[in-house]
Amino acid sequence: MEKLTTILEPMTELSEFANLQDIIENHAGVGEVAAIFKEQKLVIQFNLLQTSEDELKQLISDHGYQIKSTNTER
């Protein structure tokens, strides 16, 4: 599994952050999503055979969230 870490532009509502976590968890190829609200960080484990880093970043953007930075570990 690959691991994508994203830092998002600040969100004010915990429920909004939890909603984004649910959206990502339900995406094909995603294993586990660790969400750290205080740091506005998502750590996404995903299967590279089913989805990609670019697809996950697009998913986040498509739902109206802005990414400040990313890091991928293979």
N, C-alpha and C. Protein backbone atom coordinates (compact mmCIF):
# COMPACT_ATOMS: atom_id res chain seq x y z
N MET A 1 0.84 -1.19 0.00
CA MET A 1 0.00 0.00 0.00
C MET A 1 0.88 1.25 0.00
N GLU A 2 0.39 2.25 -0.69
CA GLU A 2 1.04 3.55 -0.72
C GLU A 2 0.43 4.40 0.39
N LYS A 3 1.12 5.48 0.75
CA LYS A 3 0.59 6.37 1.78
C LYS A 3 0.73 7.81 1.30
N LEU A 4 -0.42 8.50 1.22
CA LEU A 4 -0.47 9.90 0.83
C LEU A 4 -0.83 10.73 2.05
N THR A 5 0.02 11.68 2.38
CA THR A 5 -0.25 12.60 3.49
C THR A 5 -0.57 13.96 2.89
N THR A 6 -1.72 14.51 3.28
CA THR A 6 -2.12 15.83 2.78
C THR A 6 -2.33 16.77 3.95
N ILE A 7 -1.95 18.01 3.75
CA ILE A 7 -2.25 19.08 4.69
C ILE A 7 -3.23 19.99 3.94
N LEU A 8 -4.37 20.23 4.55
CA LEU A 8 -5.44 21.00 3.90
C LEU A 8 -5.48 22.43 4.42
N GLU A 9 -6.10 23.29 3.64
CA GLU A 9 -6.40 24.64 4.11
C GLU A 9 -7.33 24.48 5.32
N PRO A 10 -7.22 25.34 6.30
CA PRO A 10 -7.99 25.18 7.54
C PRO A 10 -9.51 25.07 7.33
N MET A 11 -10.09 24.14 8.06
CA MET A 11 -11.54 23.99 8.14
C MET A 11 -11.95 24.33 9.57
N THR A 12 -13.11 24.92 9.70
CA THR A 12 -13.54 25.35 11.02
C THR A 12 -14.41 24.30 11.73
N GLU A 13 -15.03 23.42 10.97
CA GLU A 13 -15.97 22.46 11.55
C GLU A 13 -15.40 21.05 11.53
N LEU A 14 -15.41 20.41 12.67
CA LEU A 14 -14.98 19.02 12.78
C LEU A 14 -15.85 18.12 11.92
N SER A 15 -17.14 18.41 11.84
CA SER A 15 -18.06 17.58 11.06
C SER A 15 -17.71 17.65 9.56
N GLU A 16 -17.27 18.79 9.10
CA GLU A 16 -16.86 18.96 7.71
C GLU A 16 -15.62 18.09 7.42
N PHE A 17 -14.70 18.08 8.36
CA PHE A 17 -13.49 17.28 8.22
C PHE A 17 -13.83 15.80 8.24
N ALA A 18 -14.73 15.40 9.13
CA ALA A 18 -15.17 14.00 9.22
C ALA A 18 -15.89 13.57 7.94
N ASN A 19 -16.67 14.47 7.35
CA ASN A 19 -17.36 14.18 6.09
C ASN A 19 -16.35 13.90 4.98
N LEU A 20 -15.31 14.69 4.89
CA LEU A 20 -14.28 14.47 3.88
C LEU A 20 -13.59 13.13 4.11
N GLN A 21 -13.33 12.79 5.36
CA GLN A 21 -12.73 11.49 5.68
C GLN A 21 -13.62 10.36 5.18
N ASP A 22 -14.92 10.46 5.39
CA ASP A 22 -15.86 9.43 4.92
C ASP A 22 -15.85 9.31 3.40
N ILE A 23 -15.83 10.44 2.72
CA ILE A 23 -15.80 10.44 1.25
C ILE A 23 -14.58 9.69 0.74
N ILE A 24 -13.44 9.97 1.32
CA ILE A 24 -12.19 9.34 0.88
C ILE A 24 -12.19 7.85 1.22
N GLU A 25 -12.66 7.49 2.41
CA GLU A 25 -12.70 6.08 2.82
C GLU A 25 -13.57 5.24 1.89
N ASN A 26 -14.59 5.84 1.30
CA ASN A 26 -15.50 5.11 0.43
C ASN A 26 -15.03 5.06 -1.03
N HIS A 27 -13.90 5.68 -1.32
CA HIS A 27 -13.35 5.67 -2.68
C HIS A 27 -12.66 4.34 -2.94
N ALA A 28 -12.85 3.80 -4.13
CA ALA A 28 -12.24 2.51 -4.50
C ALA A 28 -10.72 2.57 -4.36
N GLY A 29 -10.16 1.55 -3.72
CA GLY A 29 -8.72 1.43 -3.58
C GLY A 29 -8.16 2.04 -2.31
N VAL A 30 -9.00 2.72 -1.54
CA VAL A 30 -8.54 3.33 -0.29
C VAL A 30 -8.70 2.34 0.85
N GLY A 31 -7.63 2.18 1.61
CA GLY A 31 -7.66 1.29 2.76
C GLY A 31 -8.10 2.04 4.00
N GLU A 32 -7.16 2.71 4.64
CA GLU A 32 -7.44 3.41 5.89
C GLU A 32 -7.14 4.89 5.72
N VAL A 33 -7.93 5.73 6.40
CA VAL A 33 -7.71 7.16 6.39
C VAL A 33 -7.60 7.63 7.84
N ALA A 34 -6.45 8.18 8.19
CA ALA A 34 -6.27 8.77 9.51
C ALA A 34 -6.46 10.27 9.36
N ALA A 35 -7.39 10.83 10.12
CA ALA A 35 -7.70 12.25 10.03
C ALA A 35 -7.31 12.93 11.34
N ILE A 36 -6.49 13.97 11.23
CA ILE A 36 -6.02 14.70 12.40
C ILE A 36 -6.49 16.15 12.24
N PHE A 37 -7.63 16.44 12.86
CA PHE A 37 -8.29 17.74 12.68
C PHE A 37 -7.40 18.89 13.12
N LYS A 38 -6.76 18.75 14.26
CA LYS A 38 -5.94 19.83 14.82
C LYS A 38 -4.86 20.29 13.84
N GLU A 39 -4.33 19.35 13.07
CA GLU A 39 -3.27 19.66 12.11
C GLU A 39 -3.80 19.79 10.68
N GLN A 40 -5.11 19.59 10.49
CA GLN A 40 -5.72 19.62 9.16
C GLN A 40 -5.02 18.63 8.23
N LYS A 41 -4.72 17.46 8.76
CA LYS A 41 -3.94 16.45 8.05
C LYS A 41 -4.76 15.19 7.81
N LEU A 42 -4.60 14.64 6.61
CA LEU A 42 -5.16 13.34 6.26
C LEU A 42 -4.02 12.43 5.83
N VAL A 43 -3.99 11.24 6.38
CA VAL A 43 -3.01 10.23 5.96
C VAL A 43 -3.83 9.10 5.33
N ILE A 44 -3.66 8.92 4.03
CA ILE A 44 -4.50 8.01 3.25
C ILE A 44 -3.65 6.84 2.76
N GLN A 45 -4.03 5.64 3.16
CA GLN A 45 -3.37 4.44 2.63
C GLN A 45 -4.22 3.96 1.45
N PHE A 46 -3.53 3.71 0.32
CA PHE A 46 -4.28 3.33 -0.87
C PHE A 46 -3.52 2.32 -1.70
N ASN A 47 -4.28 1.59 -2.52
CA ASN A 47 -3.74 0.58 -3.41
C ASN A 47 -3.50 1.23 -4.77
N LEU A 48 -2.25 1.30 -5.17
CA LEU A 48 -1.88 1.96 -6.42
C LEU A 48 -2.46 1.27 -7.65
N LEU A 49 -2.86 0.01 -7.52
CA LEU A 49 -3.47 -0.70 -8.64
C LEU A 49 -4.92 -0.28 -8.86
N GLN A 50 -5.54 0.35 -7.87
CA GLN A 50 -6.95 0.74 -7.95
C GLN A 50 -7.19 2.24 -8.03
N THR A 51 -6.27 3.02 -7.52
CA THR A 51 -6.41 4.48 -7.55
C THR A 51 -5.01 5.09 -7.55
N SER A 52 -4.95 6.39 -7.69
CA SER A 52 -3.64 7.06 -7.74
C SER A 52 -3.63 8.28 -6.82
N GLU A 53 -2.44 8.77 -6.59
CA GLU A 53 -2.27 9.99 -5.79
C GLU A 53 -3.03 11.15 -6.45
N ASP A 54 -2.89 11.28 -7.76
CA ASP A 54 -3.58 12.37 -8.47
C ASP A 54 -5.09 12.24 -8.38
N GLU A 55 -5.59 11.02 -8.46
CA GLU A 55 -7.04 10.80 -8.37
C GLU A 55 -7.55 11.18 -6.98
N LEU A 56 -6.80 10.85 -5.95
CA LEU A 56 -7.20 11.19 -4.59
C LEU A 56 -7.17 12.70 -4.36
N LYS A 57 -6.14 13.35 -4.87
CA LYS A 57 -6.06 14.80 -4.74
C LYS A 57 -7.21 15.47 -5.50
N GLN A 58 -7.56 14.93 -6.66
CA GLN A 58 -8.68 15.47 -7.43
C GLN A 58 -10.00 15.27 -6.68
N LEU A 59 -10.16 14.12 -6.03
CA LEU A 59 -11.35 13.84 -5.23
C LEU A 59 -11.52 14.89 -4.13
N ILE A 60 -10.44 15.21 -3.46
CA ILE A 60 -10.47 16.22 -2.40
C ILE A 60 -10.85 17.58 -2.98
N SER A 61 -10.21 17.95 -4.08
CA SER A 61 -10.49 19.24 -4.73
C SER A 61 -11.92 19.32 -5.25
N ASP A 62 -12.41 18.23 -5.83
CA ASP A 62 -13.77 18.20 -6.38
C ASP A 62 -14.84 18.45 -5.31
N HIS A 63 -14.50 18.15 -4.07
CA HIS A 63 -15.45 18.37 -2.98
C HIS A 63 -15.24 19.73 -2.30
N GLY A 64 -14.43 20.58 -2.93
CA GLY A 64 -14.30 21.96 -2.47
C GLY A 64 -13.23 22.22 -1.44
N TYR A 65 -12.32 21.30 -1.24
CA TYR A 65 -11.26 21.47 -0.25
C TYR A 65 -9.94 21.76 -0.95
N GLN A 66 -9.15 22.66 -0.36
CA GLN A 66 -7.88 23.03 -0.95
C GLN A 66 -6.74 22.36 -0.20
N ILE A 67 -5.80 21.82 -0.96
CA ILE A 67 -4.63 21.14 -0.40
C ILE A 67 -3.47 22.11 -0.34
N LYS A 68 -2.85 22.22 0.84
CA LYS A 68 -1.67 23.07 0.99
C LYS A 68 -0.41 22.33 0.57
N SER A 69 -0.30 21.05 0.97
CA SER A 69 0.88 20.27 0.63
C SER A 69 0.56 18.78 0.68
N THR A 70 1.40 18.00 -0.01
CA THR A 70 1.24 16.54 0.00
C THR A 70 2.61 15.89 0.07
N ASN A 71 2.59 14.64 0.51
CA ASN A 71 3.78 13.81 0.54
C ASN A 71 3.33 12.37 0.33
N THR A 72 4.03 11.66 -0.55
CA THR A 72 3.68 10.27 -0.82
C THR A 72 4.84 9.37 -0.44
N GLU A 73 4.52 8.29 0.27
CA GLU A 73 5.51 7.27 0.61
C GLU A 73 5.13 5.99 -0.11
N ARG A 74 6.13 5.40 -0.71
CA ARG A 74 5.89 4.15 -1.45
C ARG A 74 6.54 3.00 -0.73
